[in-house]
Amino acid sequence: MASPLEMKKPSSSTGGAATTTRRRRSVPPGEKEGSPQNSVQGKLRKLESIIPGRQDDSIEGLLMRTAEYISFLELQVDVLKSLSHLYGVSPL
């Protein structure tokens, strides 16, 4: 079996030079490409849409609600596991 280097041969249509095409990630209108501030703000908006509860203006409030919601979900999983053991439901 040929090694990976031997298997790839340069195409004759490009004169022997290998070309690579990279796809660029689309940037939403109004955002500068590579701006870390915009990506963080977008992620915070997405997180705010996922986490239930009142909408805080502060990042600290959103992160506190997120931590509380994660704890709630972990507790809910534990309760459901206990109920399944109690009623003899086998895990999937």
PDB file of N, CA and C in Angstrom:
ATOM      1  N   MET A   1       0.851  -1.178   0.000  1.00  0.00           N
ATOM      2  CA  MET A   1       0.000   0.000   0.000  1.00  0.00           C
ATOM      3  C   MET A   1       0.894   1.237   0.000  1.00  0.00           C
ATOM      4  N   ALA A   2       0.509   2.216  -0.783  1.00  0.00           N
ATOM      5  CA  ALA A   2       1.297   3.435  -0.912  1.00  0.00           C
ATOM      6  C   ALA A   2       1.096   4.322   0.304  1.00  0.00           C
ATOM      7  N   SER A   3       2.136   5.057   0.643  1.00  0.00           N
ATOM      8  CA  SER A   3       2.008   5.994   1.759  1.00  0.00           C
ATOM      9  C   SER A   3       1.142   7.167   1.332  1.00  0.00           C
ATOM     10  N   PRO A   4       0.568   7.905   2.288  1.00  0.00           N
ATOM     11  CA  PRO A   4      -0.289   9.047   1.944  1.00  0.00           C
ATOM     12  C   PRO A   4       0.420  10.074   1.068  1.00  0.00           C
ATOM     13  N   LEU A   5       1.729  10.233   1.237  1.00  0.00           N
ATOM     14  CA  LEU A   5       2.457  11.196   0.418  1.00  0.00           C
ATOM     15  C   LEU A   5       2.557  10.728  -1.024  1.00  0.00           C
ATOM     16  N   GLU A   6       2.688   9.425  -1.215  1.00  0.00           N
ATOM     17  CA  GLU A   6       2.785   8.886  -2.563  1.00  0.00           C
ATOM     18  C   GLU A   6       1.441   8.894  -3.269  1.00  0.00           C
ATOM     19  N   MET A   7       0.356   8.807  -2.510  1.00  0.00           N
ATOM     20  CA  MET A   7      -0.969   8.727  -3.111  1.00  0.00           C
ATOM     21  C   MET A   7      -1.414  10.073  -3.671  1.00  0.00           C
ATOM     22  N   LYS A   8      -0.996  11.188  -3.068  1.00  0.00           N
ATOM     23  CA  LYS A   8      -1.409  12.506  -3.535  1.00  0.00           C
ATOM     24  C   LYS A   8      -0.417  12.984  -4.580  1.00  0.00           C
ATOM     25  N   LYS A   9      -0.901  13.188  -5.764  1.00  0.00           N
ATOM     26  CA  LYS A   9      -0.056  13.696  -6.828  1.00  0.00           C
ATOM     27  C   LYS A   9      -0.578  15.054  -7.236  1.00  0.00           C
ATOM     28  N   PRO A  10       0.302  16.006  -7.524  1.00  0.00           N
ATOM     29  CA  PRO A  10      -0.158  17.321  -7.951  1.00  0.00           C
ATOM     30  C   PRO A  10      -0.918  17.228  -9.253  1.00  0.00           C
ATOM     31  N   SER A  11      -1.930  18.060  -9.378  1.00  0.00           N
ATOM     32  CA  SER A  11      -2.728  18.021 -10.597  1.00  0.00           C
ATOM     33  C   SER A  11      -1.974  18.727 -11.706  1.00  0.00           C
ATOM     34  N   SER A  12      -2.096  18.211 -12.907  1.00  0.00           N
ATOM     35  CA  SER A  12      -1.373  18.779 -14.038  1.00  0.00           C
ATOM     36  C   SER A  12      -2.000  20.084 -14.506  1.00  0.00           C
ATOM     37  N   SER A  13      -3.276  20.325 -14.202  1.00  0.00           N
ATOM     38  CA  SER A  13      -3.944  21.546 -14.650  1.00  0.00           C
ATOM     39  C   SER A  13      -3.436  22.784 -13.925  1.00  0.00           C
ATOM     40  N   THR A  14      -2.858  22.624 -12.733  1.00  0.00           N
ATOM     41  CA  THR A  14      -2.349  23.776 -11.991  1.00  0.00           C
ATOM     42  C   THR A  14      -0.845  23.914 -12.154  1.00  0.00           C
ATOM     43  N   GLY A  15      -0.288  23.196 -13.081  1.00  0.00           N
ATOM     44  CA  GLY A  15       1.146  23.298 -13.293  1.00  0.00           C
ATOM     45  C   GLY A  15       1.952  22.634 -12.194  1.00  0.00           C
ATOM     46  N   GLY A  16       1.358  21.690 -11.505  1.00  0.00           N
ATOM     47  CA  GLY A  16       2.069  20.959 -10.475  1.00  0.00           C
ATOM     48  C   GLY A  16       1.957  21.569  -9.098  1.00  0.00           C
ATOM     49  N   ALA A  17       1.404  22.755  -8.990  1.00  0.00           N
ATOM     50  CA  ALA A  17       1.266  23.393  -7.678  1.00  0.00           C
ATOM     51  C   ALA A  17      -0.037  22.948  -7.037  1.00  0.00           C
ATOM     52  N   ALA A  18       0.045  22.526  -5.810  1.00  0.00           N
ATOM     53  CA  ALA A  18      -1.158  22.106  -5.092  1.00  0.00           C
ATOM     54  C   ALA A  18      -1.867  23.342  -4.553  1.00  0.00           C
ATOM     55  N   THR A  19      -3.164  23.420  -4.773  1.00  0.00           N
ATOM     56  CA  THR A  19      -3.937  24.557  -4.273  1.00  0.00           C
ATOM     57  C   THR A  19      -4.922  24.069  -3.234  1.00  0.00           C
ATOM     58  N   THR A  20      -5.131  24.879  -2.228  1.00  0.00           N
ATOM     59  CA  THR A  20      -6.080  24.560  -1.169  1.00  0.00           C
ATOM     60  C   THR A  20      -7.082  25.693  -1.074  1.00  0.00           C
ATOM     61  N   THR A  21      -8.352  25.339  -1.056  1.00  0.00           N
ATOM     62  CA  THR A  21      -9.395  26.348  -0.924  1.00  0.00           C
ATOM     63  C   THR A  21      -9.966  26.255   0.472  1.00  0.00           C
ATOM     64  N   ARG A  22      -9.988  27.378   1.167  1.00  0.00           N
ATOM     65  CA  ARG A  22     -10.572  27.412   2.507  1.00  0.00           C
ATOM     66  C   ARG A  22     -11.860  28.191   2.457  1.00  0.00           C
ATOM     67  N   ARG A  23     -12.845  27.677   3.157  1.00  0.00           N
ATOM     68  CA  ARG A  23     -14.125  28.375   3.247  1.00  0.00           C
ATOM     69  C   ARG A  23     -14.068  29.334   4.414  1.00  0.00           C
ATOM     70  N   ARG A  24     -14.534  30.546   4.190  1.00  0.00           N
ATOM     71  CA  ARG A  24     -14.557  31.548   5.248  1.00  0.00           C
ATOM     72  C   ARG A  24     -15.884  31.498   5.977  1.00  0.00           C
ATOM     73  N   ARG A  25     -15.813  31.699   7.273  1.00  0.00           N
ATOM     74  CA  ARG A  25     -17.019  31.746   8.091  1.00  0.00           C
ATOM     75  C   ARG A  25     -17.731  33.054   7.792  1.00  0.00           C
ATOM     76  N   SER A  26     -19.042  32.970   7.605  1.00  0.00           N
ATOM     77  CA  SER A  26     -19.788  34.190   7.310  1.00  0.00           C
ATOM     78  C   SER A  26     -19.907  35.047   8.566  1.00  0.00           C
ATOM     79  N   VAL A  27     -19.815  36.344   8.383  1.00  0.00           N
ATOM     80  CA  VAL A  27     -19.899  37.298   9.487  1.00  0.00           C
ATOM     81  C   VAL A  27     -21.242  38.004   9.390  1.00  0.00           C
ATOM     82  N   PRO A  28     -22.041  37.987  10.461  1.00  0.00           N
ATOM     83  CA  PRO A  28     -23.337  38.672  10.426  1.00  0.00           C
ATOM     84  C   PRO A  28     -23.162  40.155  10.120  1.00  0.00           C
ATOM     85  N   PRO A  29     -24.152  40.761   9.461  1.00  0.00           N
ATOM     86  CA  PRO A  29     -24.053  42.188   9.147  1.00  0.00           C
ATOM     87  C   PRO A  29     -23.893  43.025  10.412  1.00  0.00           C
ATOM     88  N   GLY A  30     -23.057  44.025  10.344  1.00  0.00           N
ATOM     89  CA  GLY A  30     -22.852  44.909  11.489  1.00  0.00           C
ATOM     90  C   GLY A  30     -21.764  44.448  12.439  1.00  0.00           C
ATOM     91  N   GLU A  31     -21.224  43.255  12.222  1.00  0.00           N
ATOM     92  CA  GLU A  31     -20.151  42.761  13.082  1.00  0.00           C
ATOM     93  C   GLU A  31     -18.850  42.747  12.301  1.00  0.00           C
ATOM     94  N   LYS A  32     -17.786  43.144  12.959  1.00  0.00           N
ATOM     95  CA  LYS A  32     -16.475  43.090  12.333  1.00  0.00           C
ATOM     96  C   LYS A  32     -15.923  41.688  12.499  1.00  0.00           C
ATOM     97  N   GLU A  33     -15.276  41.219  11.455  1.00  0.00           N
ATOM     98  CA  GLU A  33     -14.701  39.884  11.520  1.00  0.00           C
ATOM     99  C   GLU A  33     -13.598  39.848  12.567  1.00  0.00           C
ATOM    100  N   GLY A  34     -13.606  38.814  13.384  1.00  0.00           N
ATOM    101  CA  GLY A  34     -12.569  38.634  14.376  1.00  0.00           C
ATOM    102  C   GLY A  34     -12.707  39.501  15.611  1.00  0.00           C
ATOM    103  N   SER A  35     -13.808  40.195  15.761  1.00  0.00           N
ATOM    104  CA  SER A  35     -13.993  41.053  16.924  1.00  0.00           C
ATOM    105  C   SER A  35     -14.411  40.203  18.115  1.00  0.00           C
ATOM    106  N   PRO A  36     -13.551  40.045  19.122  1.00  0.00           N
ATOM    107  CA  PRO A  36     -13.907  39.196  20.261  1.00  0.00           C
ATOM    108  C   PRO A  36     -15.069  39.754  21.065  1.00  0.00           C
ATOM    109  N   GLN A  37     -15.213  41.068  21.096  1.00  0.00           N
ATOM    110  CA  GLN A  37     -16.301  41.677  21.855  1.00  0.00           C
ATOM    111  C   GLN A  37     -17.644  41.239  21.290  1.00  0.00           C
ATOM    112  N   ASN A  38     -17.782  41.249  19.962  1.00  0.00           N
ATOM    113  CA  ASN A  38     -19.040  40.856  19.343  1.00  0.00           C
ATOM    114  C   ASN A  38     -19.332  39.382  19.563  1.00  0.00           C
ATOM    115  N   SER A  39     -18.317  38.528  19.518  1.00  0.00           N
ATOM    116  CA  SER A  39     -18.585  37.109  19.704  1.00  0.00           C
ATOM    117  C   SER A  39     -19.009  36.820  21.146  1.00  0.00           C
ATOM    118  N   VAL A  40     -18.415  37.509  22.115  1.00  0.00           N
ATOM    119  CA  VAL A  40     -18.792  37.310  23.518  1.00  0.00           C
ATOM    120  C   VAL A  40     -20.209  37.816  23.754  1.00  0.00           C
ATOM    121  N   GLN A  41     -20.531  38.978  23.219  1.00  0.00           N
ATOM    122  CA  GLN A  41     -21.876  39.524  23.393  1.00  0.00           C
ATOM    123  C   GLN A  41     -22.921  38.614  22.755  1.00  0.00           C
ATOM    124  N   GLY A  42     -22.610  38.060  21.599  1.00  0.00           N
ATOM    125  CA  GLY A  42     -23.540  37.145  20.945  1.00  0.00           C
ATOM    126  C   GLY A  42     -23.760  35.889  21.767  1.00  0.00           C
ATOM    127  N   LYS A  43     -22.688  35.370  22.344  1.00  0.00           N
ATOM    128  CA  LYS A  43     -22.804  34.168  23.172  1.00  0.00           C
ATOM    129  C   LYS A  43     -23.590  34.450  24.444  1.00  0.00           C
ATOM    130  N   LEU A  44     -23.398  35.644  25.015  1.00  0.00           N
ATOM    131  CA  LEU A  44     -24.170  36.010  26.206  1.00  0.00           C
ATOM    132  C   LEU A  44     -25.653  36.144  25.871  1.00  0.00           C
ATOM    133  N   ARG A  45     -25.961  36.721  24.703  1.00  0.00           N
ATOM    134  CA  ARG A  45     -27.371  36.831  24.291  1.00  0.00           C
ATOM    135  C   ARG A  45     -27.979  35.447  24.095  1.00  0.00           C
ATOM    136  N   LYS A  46     -27.218  34.529  23.504  1.00  0.00           N
ATOM    137  CA  LYS A  46     -27.698  33.164  23.299  1.00  0.00           C
ATOM    138  C   LYS A  46     -27.928  32.479  24.650  1.00  0.00           C
ATOM    139  N   LEU A  47     -26.998  32.643  25.575  1.00  0.00           N
ATOM    140  CA  LEU A  47     -27.143  32.062  26.910  1.00  0.00           C
ATOM    141  C   LEU A  47     -28.370  32.623  27.606  1.00  0.00           C
ATOM    142  N   GLU A  48     -28.589  33.930  27.474  1.00  0.00           N
ATOM    143  CA  GLU A  48     -29.745  34.569  28.103  1.00  0.00           C
ATOM    144  C   GLU A  48     -31.052  34.025  27.538  1.00  0.00           C
ATOM    145  N   SER A  49     -31.051  33.646  26.251  1.00  0.00           N
ATOM    146  CA  SER A  49     -32.274  33.104  25.657  1.00  0.00           C
ATOM    147  C   SER A  49     -32.545  31.669  26.119  1.00  0.00           C
ATOM    148  N   ILE A  50     -31.507  30.964  26.559  1.00  0.00           N
ATOM    149  CA  ILE A  50     -31.658  29.569  26.988  1.00  0.00           C
ATOM    150  C   ILE A  50     -32.067  29.471  28.452  1.00  0.00           C
ATOM    151  N   ILE A  51     -31.499  30.312  29.300  1.00  0.00           N
ATOM    152  CA  ILE A  51     -31.704  30.233  30.745  1.00  0.00           C
ATOM    153  C   ILE A  51     -33.024  30.894  31.122  1.00  0.00           C
ATOM    154  N   PRO A  52     -33.910  30.154  31.819  1.00  0.00           N
ATOM    155  CA  PRO A  52     -35.188  30.749  32.217  1.00  0.00           C
ATOM    156  C   PRO A  52     -35.011  31.738  33.368  1.00  0.00           C
ATOM    157  N   GLY A  53     -36.000  32.577  33.546  1.00  0.00           N
ATOM    158  CA  GLY A  53     -35.975  33.546  34.640  1.00  0.00           C
ATOM    159  C   GLY A  53     -36.019  34.958  34.117  1.00  0.00           C
ATOM    160  N   ARG A  54     -35.968  35.893  35.049  1.00  0.00           N
ATOM    161  CA  ARG A  54     -36.049  37.301  34.654  1.00  0.00           C
ATOM    162  C   ARG A  54     -34.805  37.697  33.871  1.00  0.00           C
ATOM    163  N   GLN A  55     -34.976  38.664  33.022  1.00  0.00           N
ATOM    164  CA  GLN A  55     -33.871  39.131  32.197  1.00  0.00           C
ATOM    165  C   GLN A  55     -33.104  40.217  32.938  1.00  0.00           C
ATOM    166  N   ASP A  56     -31.887  39.924  33.343  1.00  0.00           N
ATOM    167  CA  ASP A  56     -31.028  40.902  34.020  1.00  0.00           C
ATOM    168  C   ASP A  56     -30.235  41.675  32.979  1.00  0.00           C
ATOM    169  N   ASP A  57     -29.904  42.889  33.326  1.00  0.00           N
ATOM    170  CA  ASP A  57     -29.028  43.662  32.461  1.00  0.00           C
ATOM    171  C   ASP A  57     -27.562  43.336  32.732  1.00  0.00           C
ATOM    172  N   SER A  58     -27.287  42.768  33.895  1.00  0.00           N
ATOM    173  CA  SER A  58     -25.891  42.540  34.266  1.00  0.00           C
ATOM    174  C   SER A  58     -25.426  41.141  33.865  1.00  0.00           C
ATOM    175  N   ILE A  59     -24.161  41.060  33.527  1.00  0.00           N
ATOM    176  CA  ILE A  59     -23.550  39.776  33.191  1.00  0.00           C
ATOM    177  C   ILE A  59     -23.483  38.902  34.439  1.00  0.00           C
ATOM    178  N   GLU A  60     -23.207  39.528  35.586  1.00  0.00           N
ATOM    179  CA  GLU A  60     -23.111  38.771  36.839  1.00  0.00           C
ATOM    180  C   GLU A  60     -24.427  38.071  37.158  1.00  0.00           C
ATOM    181  N   GLY A  61     -25.545  38.788  36.966  1.00  0.00           N
ATOM    182  CA  GLY A  61     -26.857  38.194  37.218  1.00  0.00           C
ATOM    183  C   GLY A  61     -27.134  37.021  36.297  1.00  0.00           C
ATOM    184  N   LEU A  62     -26.757  37.165  35.035  1.00  0.00           N
ATOM    185  CA  LEU A  62     -26.951  36.078  34.067  1.00  0.00           C
ATOM    186  C   LEU A  62     -26.119  34.861  34.450  1.00  0.00           C
ATOM    187  N   LEU A  63     -24.876  35.081  34.851  1.00  0.00           N
ATOM    188  CA  LEU A  63     -24.019  33.958  35.226  1.00  0.00           C
ATOM    189  C   LEU A  63     -24.501  33.287  36.511  1.00  0.00           C
ATOM    190  N   MET A  64     -25.031  34.071  37.451  1.00  0.00           N
ATOM    191  CA  MET A  64     -25.599  33.485  38.675  1.00  0.00           C
ATOM    192  C   MET A  64     -26.821  32.635  38.346  1.00  0.00           C
ATOM    193  N   ARG A  65     -27.704  33.157  37.480  1.00  0.00           N
ATOM    194  CA  ARG A  65     -28.882  32.387  37.060  1.00  0.00           C
ATOM    195  C   ARG A  65     -28.460  31.110  36.351  1.00  0.00           C
ATOM    196  N   THR A  66     -27.410  31.188  35.550  1.00  0.00           N
ATOM    197  CA  THR A  66     -26.917  30.010  34.834  1.00  0.00           C
ATOM    198  C   THR A  66     -26.427  28.952  35.812  1.00  0.00           C
ATOM    199  N   ALA A  67     -25.654  29.362  36.812  1.00  0.00           N
ATOM    200  CA  ALA A  67     -25.149  28.419  37.815  1.00  0.00           C
ATOM    201  C   ALA A  67     -26.298  27.782  38.590  1.00  0.00           C
ATOM    202  N   GLU A  68     -27.286  28.589  38.967  1.00  0.00           N
ATOM    203  CA  GLU A  68     -28.447  28.059  39.689  1.00  0.00           C
ATOM    204  C   GLU A  68     -29.233  27.082  38.816  1.00  0.00           C
ATOM    205  N   TYR A  69     -29.363  27.389  37.532  1.00  0.00           N
ATOM    206  CA  TYR A  69     -30.117  26.522  36.627  1.00  0.00           C
ATOM    207  C   TYR A  69     -29.391  25.191  36.425  1.00  0.00           C
ATOM    208  N   ILE A  70     -28.076  25.235  36.343  1.00  0.00           N
ATOM    209  CA  ILE A  70     -27.302  23.994  36.218  1.00  0.00           C
ATOM    210  C   ILE A  70     -27.488  23.138  37.463  1.00  0.00           C
ATOM    211  N   SER A  71     -27.442  23.755  38.647  1.00  0.00           N
ATOM    212  CA  SER A  71     -27.667  23.012  39.897  1.00  0.00           C
ATOM    213  C   SER A  71     -29.059  22.408  39.930  1.00  0.00           C
ATOM    214  N   PHE A  72     -30.057  23.177  39.474  1.00  0.00           N
ATOM    215  CA  PHE A  72     -31.429  22.684  39.423  1.00  0.00           C
ATOM    216  C   PHE A  72     -31.532  21.475  38.498  1.00  0.00           C
ATOM    217  N   LEU A  73     -30.904  21.547  37.330  1.00  0.00           N
ATOM    218  CA  LEU A  73     -30.969  20.430  36.384  1.00  0.00           C
ATOM    219  C   LEU A  73     -30.273  19.189  36.936  1.00  0.00           C
ATOM    220  N   GLU A  74     -29.140  19.377  37.624  1.00  0.00           N
ATOM    221  CA  GLU A  74     -28.454  18.238  38.242  1.00  0.00           C
ATOM    222  C   GLU A  74     -29.322  17.593  39.314  1.00  0.00           C
ATOM    223  N   LEU A  75     -29.987  18.406  40.124  1.00  0.00           N
ATOM    224  CA  LEU A  75     -30.887  17.892  41.152  1.00  0.00           C
ATOM    225  C   LEU A  75     -32.049  17.138  40.515  1.00  0.00           C
ATOM    226  N   GLN A  76     -32.576  17.678  39.430  1.00  0.00           N
ATOM    227  CA  GLN A  76     -33.692  17.036  38.737  1.00  0.00           C
ATOM    228  C   GLN A  76     -33.279  15.662  38.197  1.00  0.00           C
ATOM    229  N   VAL A  77     -32.068  15.559  37.667  1.00  0.00           N
ATOM    230  CA  VAL A  77     -31.566  14.271  37.178  1.00  0.00           C
ATOM    231  C   VAL A  77     -31.466  13.282  38.330  1.00  0.00           C
ATOM    232  N   ASP A  78     -30.950  13.724  39.474  1.00  0.00           N
ATOM    233  CA  ASP A  78     -30.836  12.839  40.640  1.00  0.00           C
ATOM    234  C   ASP A  78     -32.203  12.354  41.112  1.00  0.00           C
ATOM    235  N   VAL A  79     -33.185  13.243  41.153  1.00  0.00           N
ATOM    236  CA  VAL A  79     -34.540  12.869  41.578  1.00  0.00           C
ATOM    237  C   VAL A  79     -35.133  11.857  40.602  1.00  0.00           C
ATOM    238  N   LEU A  80     -34.970  12.097  39.317  1.00  0.00           N
ATOM    239  CA  LEU A  80     -35.529  11.169  38.328  1.00  0.00           C
ATOM    240  C   LEU A  80     -34.841   9.809  38.382  1.00  0.00           C
ATOM    241  N   LYS A  81     -33.531   9.791  38.642  1.00  0.00           N
ATOM    242  CA  LYS A  81     -32.825   8.516  38.803  1.00  0.00           C
ATOM    243  C   LYS A  81     -33.358   7.767  40.015  1.00  0.00           C
ATOM    244  N   SER A  82     -33.570   8.492  41.123  1.00  0.00           N
ATOM    245  CA  SER A  82     -34.093   7.862  42.339  1.00  0.00           C
ATOM    246  C   SER A  82     -35.481   7.290  42.109  1.00  0.00           C
ATOM    247  N   LEU A  83     -36.323   8.038  41.410  1.00  0.00           N
ATOM    248  CA  LEU A  83     -37.671   7.545  41.112  1.00  0.00           C
ATOM    249  C   LEU A  83     -37.630   6.314  40.219  1.00  0.00           C
ATOM    250  N   SER A  84     -36.724   6.300  39.257  1.00  0.00           N
ATOM    251  CA  SER A  84     -36.649   5.138  38.371  1.00  0.00           C
ATOM    252  C   SER A  84     -36.174   3.907  39.136  1.00  0.00           C
ATOM    253  N   HIS A  85     -35.256   4.084  40.098  1.00  0.00           N
ATOM    254  CA  HIS A  85     -34.824   2.954  40.926  1.00  0.00           C
ATOM    255  C   HIS A  85     -35.951   2.499  41.849  1.00  0.00           C
ATOM    256  N   LEU A  86     -36.697   3.438  42.390  1.00  0.00           N
ATOM    257  CA  LEU A  86     -37.790   3.126  43.300  1.00  0.00           C
ATOM    258  C   LEU A  86     -38.876   2.312  42.604  1.00  0.00           C
ATOM    259  N   TYR A  87     -39.206   2.691  41.382  1.00  0.00           N
ATOM    260  CA  TYR A  87     -40.276   2.010  40.653  1.00  0.00           C
ATOM    261  C   TYR A  87     -39.764   0.901  39.748  1.00  0.00           C
ATOM    262  N   GLY A  88     -38.478   0.627  39.790  1.00  0.00           N
ATOM    263  CA  GLY A  88     -37.929  -0.504  39.060  1.00  0.00           C
ATOM    264  C   GLY A  88     -37.827  -0.307  37.561  1.00  0.00           C
ATOM    265  N   VAL A  89     -37.700   0.906  37.128  1.00  0.00           N
ATOM    266  CA  VAL A  89     -37.540   1.162  35.702  1.00  0.00           C
ATOM    267  C   VAL A  89     -36.073   0.978  35.368  1.00  0.00           C
ATOM    268  N   SER A  90     -35.808   0.156  34.357  1.00  0.00           N
ATOM    269  CA  SER A  90     -34.415  -0.090  33.998  1.00  0.00           C
ATOM    270  C   SER A  90     -33.891   1.048  33.124  1.00  0.00           C
ATOM    271  N   PRO A  91     -32.611   1.371  33.271  1.00  0.00           N
ATOM    272  CA  PRO A  91     -32.028   2.426  32.430  1.00  0.00           C
ATOM    273  C   PRO A  91     -31.977   1.982  30.979  1.00  0.00           C
ATOM    274  N   LEU A  92     -31.982   2.938  30.091  1.00  0.00           N
ATOM    275  CA  LEU A  92     -31.958   2.630  28.654  1.00  0.00           C
ATOM    276  C   LEU A  92     -30.629   2.134  28.205  1.00  0.00           C
TER     277      LEU A  92
END
